[in-house]
Amino acid sequence: MNTGIRRWLLAIYVVIACGLILLPIAIVVLTSLTNADYISFPPQGLSLKWYAEVLSDPSWMHSLRTSLAIAALVTGIALLGGVTAALGLRLARGAWATGLQMLFLSPLMLPTIIIGLAVLRFYQSAGVPASVLTVALGQAVIATPYVIRLVLASLVGADPNLERAARNLGASRWRTFWRVTFPLARHGIVAGALFAFIVSLDDVNIALFLSDIHTTPLPVALFSYIEQNADPLGAA
């Protein structure tokens, strides 16, 4: 099989794969544009009334602002802990270093519903009330490993002697990080921040346990709404 045919087959495969991934999203979007008062596909007429209803409802806007605030906090916490842990793990050697890396990445191996329940029991035993910060700390448990993994991947092949040279030439630890380490790891740091933000916005299981009526993120509000309603507002 020549190279041209292989490229065409690869292109067809990629188009089909992307189509299968995007098709459910396209169906949800088209469903949200219906003019009917019930879920229908294809949509019965086109209208933006469901979007207008969402944007004019204070409860949905409050949930959206809460989700964005939580996601911003999760991103900051995950970056602070994840980048620090990745820099330490990068220099570690031996079997204990592998064990530490597995420990830091272990939340990715556990169901998020178990993590949510465990954090809830901890908050209850410590008498900590629900708030934006407590939800963010719970979600940071699953967001931080993404930052660690991506920063470690971006530093593979980076020469640690560059940082040692900067320190030997009189640069402070912060200046060494900002002028030497950060440029080497910036792609992993940016990708980790995006992953942490998206993981927080998409999380239902942990937020469902840790939130209350005053701090209800958008995914939890949507989950509760579609359990009791069958109109296109949930799709919007």
C-alpha atoms as a PDB file:
ATOM      1  CA  MET A   1       0.000   0.000   0.000  1.00  0.00           C
ATOM      2  CA  ASN A   2       1.551   3.269  -1.108  1.00  0.00           C
ATOM      3  CA  THR A   3       1.915   6.384   1.040  1.00  0.00           C
ATOM      4  CA  GLY A   4      -0.891   8.302  -0.712  1.00  0.00           C
ATOM      5  CA  ILE A   5      -3.516   5.636   0.004  1.00  0.00           C
ATOM      6  CA  ARG A   6      -2.369   5.391   3.636  1.00  0.00           C
ATOM      7  CA  ARG A   7      -2.789   9.134   4.072  1.00  0.00           C
ATOM      8  CA  TRP A   8      -6.281   9.025   2.600  1.00  0.00           C
ATOM      9  CA  LEU A   9      -7.271   6.121   4.852  1.00  0.00           C
ATOM     10  CA  LEU A  10      -5.866   7.941   7.880  1.00  0.00           C
ATOM     11  CA  ALA A  11      -7.756  11.108   6.933  1.00  0.00           C
ATOM     12  CA  ILE A  12     -11.010   9.170   6.539  1.00  0.00           C
ATOM     13  CA  TYR A  13     -10.458   7.449   9.885  1.00  0.00           C
ATOM     14  CA  VAL A  14      -9.814  10.785  11.641  1.00  0.00           C
ATOM     15  CA  VAL A  15     -12.923  12.356  10.090  1.00  0.00           C
ATOM     16  CA  ILE A  16     -15.099   9.408  11.165  1.00  0.00           C
ATOM     17  CA  ALA A  17     -13.645   9.431  14.708  1.00  0.00           C
ATOM     18  CA  CYS A  18     -14.147  13.194  15.095  1.00  0.00           C
ATOM     19  CA  GLY A  19     -17.674  12.888  13.708  1.00  0.00           C
ATOM     20  CA  LEU A  20     -18.594  10.200  16.241  1.00  0.00           C
ATOM     21  CA  ILE A  21     -17.214  12.363  19.056  1.00  0.00           C
ATOM     22  CA  LEU A  22     -18.985  15.544  17.946  1.00  0.00           C
ATOM     23  CA  LEU A  23     -22.293  13.991  16.861  1.00  0.00           C
ATOM     24  CA  PRO A  24     -23.812  13.783  20.397  1.00  0.00           C
ATOM     25  CA  ILE A  25     -22.856  17.420  21.031  1.00  0.00           C
ATOM     26  CA  ALA A  26     -24.440  18.479  17.742  1.00  0.00           C
ATOM     27  CA  ILE A  27     -27.665  16.647  18.648  1.00  0.00           C
ATOM     28  CA  VAL A  28     -27.815  18.406  22.031  1.00  0.00           C
ATOM     29  CA  VAL A  29     -27.244  21.799  20.392  1.00  0.00           C
ATOM     30  CA  LEU A  30     -29.968  21.202  17.782  1.00  0.00           C
ATOM     31  CA  THR A  31     -32.341  19.983  20.489  1.00  0.00           C
ATOM     32  CA  SER A  32     -31.776  23.196  22.455  1.00  0.00           C
ATOM     33  CA  LEU A  33     -32.846  25.264  19.423  1.00  0.00           C
ATOM     34  CA  THR A  34     -36.321  23.781  19.212  1.00  0.00           C
ATOM     35  CA  ASN A  35     -39.400  25.965  19.479  1.00  0.00           C
ATOM     36  CA  ALA A  36     -41.410  23.201  21.179  1.00  0.00           C
ATOM     37  CA  ASP A  37     -41.977  22.890  24.921  1.00  0.00           C
ATOM     38  CA  TYR A  38     -40.671  19.334  24.945  1.00  0.00           C
ATOM     39  CA  ILE A  39     -37.474  17.623  23.812  1.00  0.00           C
ATOM     40  CA  SER A  40     -37.649  16.795  20.128  1.00  0.00           C
ATOM     41  CA  PHE A  41     -35.193  15.867  17.412  1.00  0.00           C
ATOM     42  CA  PRO A  42     -35.154  17.068  14.713  1.00  0.00           C
ATOM     43  CA  PRO A  43     -36.190  20.381  16.332  1.00  0.00           C
ATOM     44  CA  GLN A  44     -39.753  21.583  15.779  1.00  0.00           C
ATOM     45  CA  GLY A  45     -38.867  25.019  14.440  1.00  0.00           C
ATOM     46  CA  LEU A  46     -35.830  27.062  15.421  1.00  0.00           C
ATOM     47  CA  SER A  47     -35.812  29.404  18.407  1.00  0.00           C
ATOM     48  CA  LEU A  48     -33.425  30.842  20.990  1.00  0.00           C
ATOM     49  CA  LYS A  49     -36.097  31.104  23.671  1.00  0.00           C
ATOM     50  CA  TRP A  50     -34.543  28.412  25.859  1.00  0.00           C
ATOM     51  CA  TYR A  51     -31.215  30.238  25.861  1.00  0.00           C
ATOM     52  CA  ALA A  52     -33.016  33.456  26.755  1.00  0.00           C
ATOM     53  CA  GLU A  53     -34.745  31.660  29.620  1.00  0.00           C
ATOM     54  CA  VAL A  54     -31.456  30.344  30.975  1.00  0.00           C
ATOM     55  CA  LEU A  55     -29.756  33.746  30.752  1.00  0.00           C
ATOM     56  CA  SER A  56     -32.682  35.515  32.416  1.00  0.00           C
ATOM     57  CA  ASP A  57     -32.961  33.036  35.310  1.00  0.00           C
ATOM     58  CA  PRO A  58     -30.965  34.261  38.374  1.00  0.00           C
ATOM     59  CA  SER A  59     -30.539  30.735  39.742  1.00  0.00           C
ATOM     60  CA  TRP A  60     -28.809  29.483  36.594  1.00  0.00           C
ATOM     61  CA  MET A  61     -26.579  32.555  36.461  1.00  0.00           C
ATOM     62  CA  HIS A  62     -25.683  32.102  40.136  1.00  0.00           C
ATOM     63  CA  SER A  63     -24.745  28.468  39.475  1.00  0.00           C
ATOM     64  CA  LEU A  64     -22.631  29.530  36.490  1.00  0.00           C
ATOM     65  CA  ARG A  65     -20.768  32.161  38.532  1.00  0.00           C
ATOM     66  CA  THR A  66     -20.258  29.613  41.308  1.00  0.00           C
ATOM     67  CA  SER A  67     -18.835  27.077  38.851  1.00  0.00           C
ATOM     68  CA  LEU A  68     -16.441  29.633  37.363  1.00  0.00           C
ATOM     69  CA  ALA A  69     -15.271  30.722  40.823  1.00  0.00           C
ATOM     70  CA  ILE A  70     -14.717  27.107  41.885  1.00  0.00           C
ATOM     71  CA  ALA A  71     -12.900  26.275  38.638  1.00  0.00           C
ATOM     72  CA  ALA A  72     -10.599  29.282  39.062  1.00  0.00           C
ATOM     73  CA  LEU A  73      -9.746  28.213  42.617  1.00  0.00           C
ATOM     74  CA  VAL A  74      -9.205  24.597  41.544  1.00  0.00           C
ATOM     75  CA  THR A  75      -6.857  25.748  38.789  1.00  0.00           C
ATOM     76  CA  GLY A  76      -4.807  27.848  41.202  1.00  0.00           C
ATOM     77  CA  ILE A  77      -4.617  25.112  43.844  1.00  0.00           C
ATOM     78  CA  ALA A  78      -3.778  22.425  41.290  1.00  0.00           C
ATOM     79  CA  LEU A  79      -1.039  24.537  39.716  1.00  0.00           C
ATOM     80  CA  LEU A  80       0.518  25.405  43.079  1.00  0.00           C
ATOM     81  CA  GLY A  81       0.550  21.817  44.301  1.00  0.00           C
ATOM     82  CA  GLY A  82       1.057  20.106  40.958  1.00  0.00           C
ATOM     83  CA  VAL A  83       3.992  22.159  39.682  1.00  0.00           C
ATOM     84  CA  THR A  84       5.731  21.949  43.072  1.00  0.00           C
ATOM     85  CA  ALA A  85       5.247  18.173  43.238  1.00  0.00           C
ATOM     86  CA  ALA A  86       6.360  17.694  39.624  1.00  0.00           C
ATOM     87  CA  LEU A  87       9.593  19.640  40.183  1.00  0.00           C
ATOM     88  CA  GLY A  88      10.352  17.537  43.244  1.00  0.00           C
ATOM     89  CA  LEU A  89       9.499  14.234  41.547  1.00  0.00           C
ATOM     90  CA  ARG A  90      11.600  15.167  38.542  1.00  0.00           C
ATOM     91  CA  LEU A  91      14.762  15.232  40.649  1.00  0.00           C
ATOM     92  CA  ALA A  92      13.880  12.212  42.794  1.00  0.00           C
ATOM     93  CA  ARG A  93      15.571   8.899  42.163  1.00  0.00           C
ATOM     94  CA  GLY A  94      15.076   5.347  43.345  1.00  0.00           C
ATOM     95  CA  ALA A  95      12.129   3.085  44.117  1.00  0.00           C
ATOM     96  CA  TRP A  96      10.663   5.506  46.657  1.00  0.00           C
ATOM     97  CA  ALA A  97      10.423   8.161  43.919  1.00  0.00           C
ATOM     98  CA  THR A  98       8.287   5.794  41.825  1.00  0.00           C
ATOM     99  CA  GLY A  99       6.146   5.118  44.867  1.00  0.00           C
ATOM    100  CA  LEU A 100       5.652   8.837  45.479  1.00  0.00           C
ATOM    101  CA  GLN A 101       4.672   9.402  41.849  1.00  0.00           C
ATOM    102  CA  MET A 102       2.105   6.585  42.061  1.00  0.00           C
ATOM    103  CA  LEU A 103       0.779   8.088  45.301  1.00  0.00           C
ATOM    104  CA  PHE A 104       0.317  11.538  43.764  1.00  0.00           C
ATOM    105  CA  LEU A 105      -1.354  10.110  40.660  1.00  0.00           C
ATOM    106  CA  SER A 106      -3.534   7.592  42.548  1.00  0.00           C
ATOM    107  CA  PRO A 107      -6.681   9.817  42.639  1.00  0.00           C
ATOM    108  CA  LEU A 108      -7.010   9.217  38.894  1.00  0.00           C
ATOM    109  CA  MET A 109      -7.425   5.490  39.588  1.00  0.00           C
ATOM    110  CA  LEU A 110     -10.311   5.920  42.043  1.00  0.00           C
ATOM    111  CA  PRO A 111     -13.969   6.565  41.191  1.00  0.00           C
ATOM    112  CA  THR A 112     -14.730  10.218  41.836  1.00  0.00           C
ATOM    113  CA  ILE A 113     -17.854   9.285  43.781  1.00  0.00           C
ATOM    114  CA  ILE A 114     -15.642   7.540  46.376  1.00  0.00           C
ATOM    115  CA  ILE A 115     -13.381  10.589  46.600  1.00  0.00           C
ATOM    116  CA  GLY A 116     -16.399  12.846  47.037  1.00  0.00           C
ATOM    117  CA  LEU A 117     -17.813  10.675  49.815  1.00  0.00           C
ATOM    118  CA  ALA A 118     -14.446  10.470  51.587  1.00  0.00           C
ATOM    119  CA  VAL A 119     -13.933  14.250  51.482  1.00  0.00           C
ATOM    120  CA  LEU A 120     -17.497  14.782  52.705  1.00  0.00           C
ATOM    121  CA  ARG A 121     -16.897  12.498  55.719  1.00  0.00           C
ATOM    122  CA  PHE A 122     -13.674  14.371  56.471  1.00  0.00           C
ATOM    123  CA  TYR A 123     -15.435  17.756  56.342  1.00  0.00           C
ATOM    124  CA  GLN A 124     -18.238  16.463  58.558  1.00  0.00           C
ATOM    125  CA  SER A 125     -15.837  15.086  61.165  1.00  0.00           C
ATOM    126  CA  ALA A 126     -13.901  18.370  61.160  1.00  0.00           C
ATOM    127  CA  GLY A 127     -17.072  20.476  61.285  1.00  0.00           C
ATOM    128  CA  VAL A 128     -16.243  22.338  58.068  1.00  0.00           C
ATOM    129  CA  PRO A 129     -19.322  23.923  56.401  1.00  0.00           C
ATOM    130  CA  ALA A 130     -19.876  23.801  52.647  1.00  0.00           C
ATOM    131  CA  SER A 131     -18.454  26.709  50.653  1.00  0.00           C
ATOM    132  CA  VAL A 132     -16.834  27.521  47.333  1.00  0.00           C
ATOM    133  CA  LEU A 133     -13.433  26.848  48.887  1.00  0.00           C
ATOM    134  CA  THR A 134     -14.361  23.423  50.287  1.00  0.00           C
ATOM    135  CA  VAL A 135     -15.748  22.305  46.907  1.00  0.00           C
ATOM    136  CA  ALA A 136     -12.599  23.592  45.186  1.00  0.00           C
ATOM    137  CA  LEU A 137     -10.333  21.720  47.604  1.00  0.00           C
ATOM    138  CA  GLY A 138     -12.269  18.516  46.956  1.00  0.00           C
ATOM    139  CA  GLN A 139     -12.052  18.889  43.179  1.00  0.00           C
ATOM    140  CA  ALA A 140      -8.359  19.785  43.407  1.00  0.00           C
ATOM    141  CA  VAL A 141      -7.745  16.194  44.532  1.00  0.00           C
ATOM    142  CA  ILE A 142      -8.549  14.954  41.015  1.00  0.00           C
ATOM    143  CA  ALA A 143      -7.244  18.015  39.135  1.00  0.00           C
ATOM    144  CA  THR A 144      -3.748  18.133  40.649  1.00  0.00           C
ATOM    145  CA  PRO A 145      -2.602  14.758  39.213  1.00  0.00           C
ATOM    146  CA  TYR A 146      -3.261  16.055  35.685  1.00  0.00           C
ATOM    147  CA  VAL A 147      -0.962  19.008  36.334  1.00  0.00           C
ATOM    148  CA  ILE A 148       1.735  16.742  37.801  1.00  0.00           C
ATOM    149  CA  ARG A 149       1.636  14.348  34.848  1.00  0.00           C
ATOM    150  CA  LEU A 150       1.692  17.057  32.192  1.00  0.00           C
ATOM    151  CA  VAL A 151       4.474  19.082  33.824  1.00  0.00           C
ATOM    152  CA  LEU A 152       6.584  15.932  34.268  1.00  0.00           C
ATOM    153  CA  ALA A 153       6.020  15.084  30.598  1.00  0.00           C
ATOM    154  CA  SER A 154       7.062  18.578  29.498  1.00  0.00           C
ATOM    155  CA  LEU A 155      10.297  18.346  31.515  1.00  0.00           C
ATOM    156  CA  VAL A 156      11.382  15.009  30.024  1.00  0.00           C
ATOM    157  CA  GLY A 157      14.747  15.584  28.372  1.00  0.00           C
ATOM    158  CA  ALA A 158      15.269  18.984  30.005  1.00  0.00           C
ATOM    159  CA  ASP A 159      18.796  19.339  31.367  1.00  0.00           C
ATOM    160  CA  PRO A 160      18.745  20.014  35.148  1.00  0.00           C
ATOM    161  CA  ASN A 161      22.241  21.469  34.825  1.00  0.00           C
ATOM    162  CA  LEU A 162      20.670  24.596  33.340  1.00  0.00           C
ATOM    163  CA  GLU A 163      18.986  25.302  36.671  1.00  0.00           C
ATOM    164  CA  ARG A 164      22.131  24.468  38.611  1.00  0.00           C
ATOM    165  CA  ALA A 165      24.110  26.851  36.420  1.00  0.00           C
ATOM    166  CA  ALA A 166      21.634  29.653  37.095  1.00  0.00           C
ATOM    167  CA  ARG A 167      21.876  29.039  40.857  1.00  0.00           C
ATOM    168  CA  ASN A 168      25.692  28.957  40.710  1.00  0.00           C
ATOM    169  CA  LEU A 169      25.673  32.279  38.881  1.00  0.00           C
ATOM    170  CA  GLY A 170      23.763  33.895  41.742  1.00  0.00           C
ATOM    171  CA  ALA A 171      20.113  33.669  40.638  1.00  0.00           C
ATOM    172  CA  SER A 172      17.564  33.229  43.401  1.00  0.00           C
ATOM    173  CA  ARG A 173      15.261  30.194  43.456  1.00  0.00           C
ATOM    174  CA  TRP A 174      12.334  32.289  42.191  1.00  0.00           C
ATOM    175  CA  ARG A 175      14.421  33.876  39.406  1.00  0.00           C
ATOM    176  CA  THR A 176      15.748  30.462  38.401  1.00  0.00           C
ATOM    177  CA  PHE A 177      12.228  29.077  38.208  1.00  0.00           C
ATOM    178  CA  TRP A 178      10.850  32.054  36.263  1.00  0.00           C
ATOM    179  CA  ARG A 179      13.737  32.458  33.798  1.00  0.00           C
ATOM    180  CA  VAL A 180      14.866  28.830  33.347  1.00  0.00           C
ATOM    181  CA  THR A 181      12.395  26.230  34.653  1.00  0.00           C
ATOM    182  CA  PHE A 182       9.165  27.903  33.597  1.00  0.00           C
ATOM    183  CA  PRO A 183      10.144  28.295  29.909  1.00  0.00           C
ATOM    184  CA  LEU A 184      11.048  24.597  29.838  1.00  0.00           C
ATOM    185  CA  ALA A 185       7.768  23.518  31.433  1.00  0.00           C
ATOM    186  CA  ARG A 186       5.367  26.224  30.201  1.00  0.00           C
ATOM    187  CA  HIS A 187       3.529  23.959  27.740  1.00  0.00           C
ATOM    188  CA  GLY A 188       2.826  21.407  30.460  1.00  0.00           C
ATOM    189  CA  ILE A 189       1.820  24.111  32.933  1.00  0.00           C
ATOM    190  CA  VAL A 190      -0.617  25.722  30.495  1.00  0.00           C
ATOM    191  CA  ALA A 191      -2.067  22.341  29.503  1.00  0.00           C
ATOM    192  CA  GLY A 192      -2.362  21.371  33.173  1.00  0.00           C
ATOM    193  CA  ALA A 193      -4.198  24.601  33.968  1.00  0.00           C
ATOM    194  CA  LEU A 194      -6.666  23.956  31.131  1.00  0.00           C
ATOM    195  CA  PHE A 195      -7.220  20.366  32.270  1.00  0.00           C
ATOM    196  CA  ALA A 196      -7.775  21.455  35.876  1.00  0.00           C
ATOM    197  CA  PHE A 197     -10.290  24.118  34.816  1.00  0.00           C
ATOM    198  CA  ILE A 198     -12.194  21.714  32.551  1.00  0.00           C
ATOM    199  CA  VAL A 199     -12.179  18.900  35.137  1.00  0.00           C
ATOM    200  CA  SER A 200     -13.701  21.270  37.694  1.00  0.00           C
ATOM    201  CA  LEU A 201     -16.374  22.575  35.317  1.00  0.00           C
ATOM    202  CA  ASP A 202     -17.314  19.032  34.298  1.00  0.00           C
ATOM    203  CA  ASP A 203     -17.324  17.441  37.751  1.00  0.00           C
ATOM    204  CA  VAL A 204     -20.642  16.271  39.184  1.00  0.00           C
ATOM    205  CA  ASN A 205     -19.817  13.485  41.642  1.00  0.00           C
ATOM    206  CA  ILE A 206     -17.528  15.392  44.012  1.00  0.00           C
ATOM    207  CA  ALA A 207     -19.520  18.638  43.800  1.00  0.00           C
ATOM    208  CA  LEU A 208     -22.747  16.723  44.448  1.00  0.00           C
ATOM    209  CA  PHE A 209     -21.433  15.623  47.850  1.00  0.00           C
ATOM    210  CA  LEU A 210     -19.692  18.849  48.854  1.00  0.00           C
ATOM    211  CA  SER A 211     -22.094  21.587  47.690  1.00  0.00           C
ATOM    212  CA  ASP A 212     -25.248  22.943  49.312  1.00  0.00           C
ATOM    213  CA  ILE A 213     -28.112  25.191  48.178  1.00  0.00           C
ATOM    214  CA  HIS A 214     -25.910  28.279  48.502  1.00  0.00           C
ATOM    215  CA  THR A 215     -22.937  26.864  46.572  1.00  0.00           C
ATOM    216  CA  THR A 216     -24.487  24.811  43.781  1.00  0.00           C
ATOM    217  CA  PRO A 217     -22.205  24.487  40.721  1.00  0.00           C
ATOM    218  CA  LEU A 218     -23.769  24.454  37.279  1.00  0.00           C
ATOM    219  CA  PRO A 219     -23.273  20.686  36.618  1.00  0.00           C
ATOM    220  CA  VAL A 220     -25.042  19.841  39.893  1.00  0.00           C
ATOM    221  CA  ALA A 221     -27.888  22.263  39.128  1.00  0.00           C
ATOM    222  CA  LEU A 222     -28.216  20.765  35.645  1.00  0.00           C
ATOM    223  CA  PHE A 223     -28.134  17.206  37.017  1.00  0.00           C
ATOM    224  CA  SER A 224     -30.933  18.014  39.449  1.00  0.00           C
ATOM    225  CA  TYR A 225     -32.963  19.821  36.778  1.00  0.00           C
ATOM    226  CA  ILE A 226     -32.919  17.089  34.149  1.00  0.00           C
ATOM    227  CA  GLU A 227     -33.930  14.529  36.784  1.00  0.00           C
ATOM    228  CA  GLN A 228     -37.245  16.338  37.268  1.00  0.00           C
ATOM    229  CA  ASN A 229     -37.861  18.046  33.911  1.00  0.00           C
ATOM    230  CA  ALA A 230     -37.972  16.962  30.279  1.00  0.00           C
ATOM    231  CA  ASP A 231     -37.882  20.292  28.439  1.00  0.00           C
ATOM    232  CA  PRO A 232     -35.104  21.627  26.167  1.00  0.00           C
ATOM    233  CA  LEU A 233     -33.865  24.067  28.824  1.00  0.00           C
ATOM    234  CA  GLY A 234     -31.451  21.396  30.067  1.00  0.00           C
ATOM    235  CA  ALA A 235     -30.028  21.039  26.562  1.00  0.00           C
ATOM    236  CA  ALA A 236     -29.588  24.806  26.312  1.00  0.00           C
END
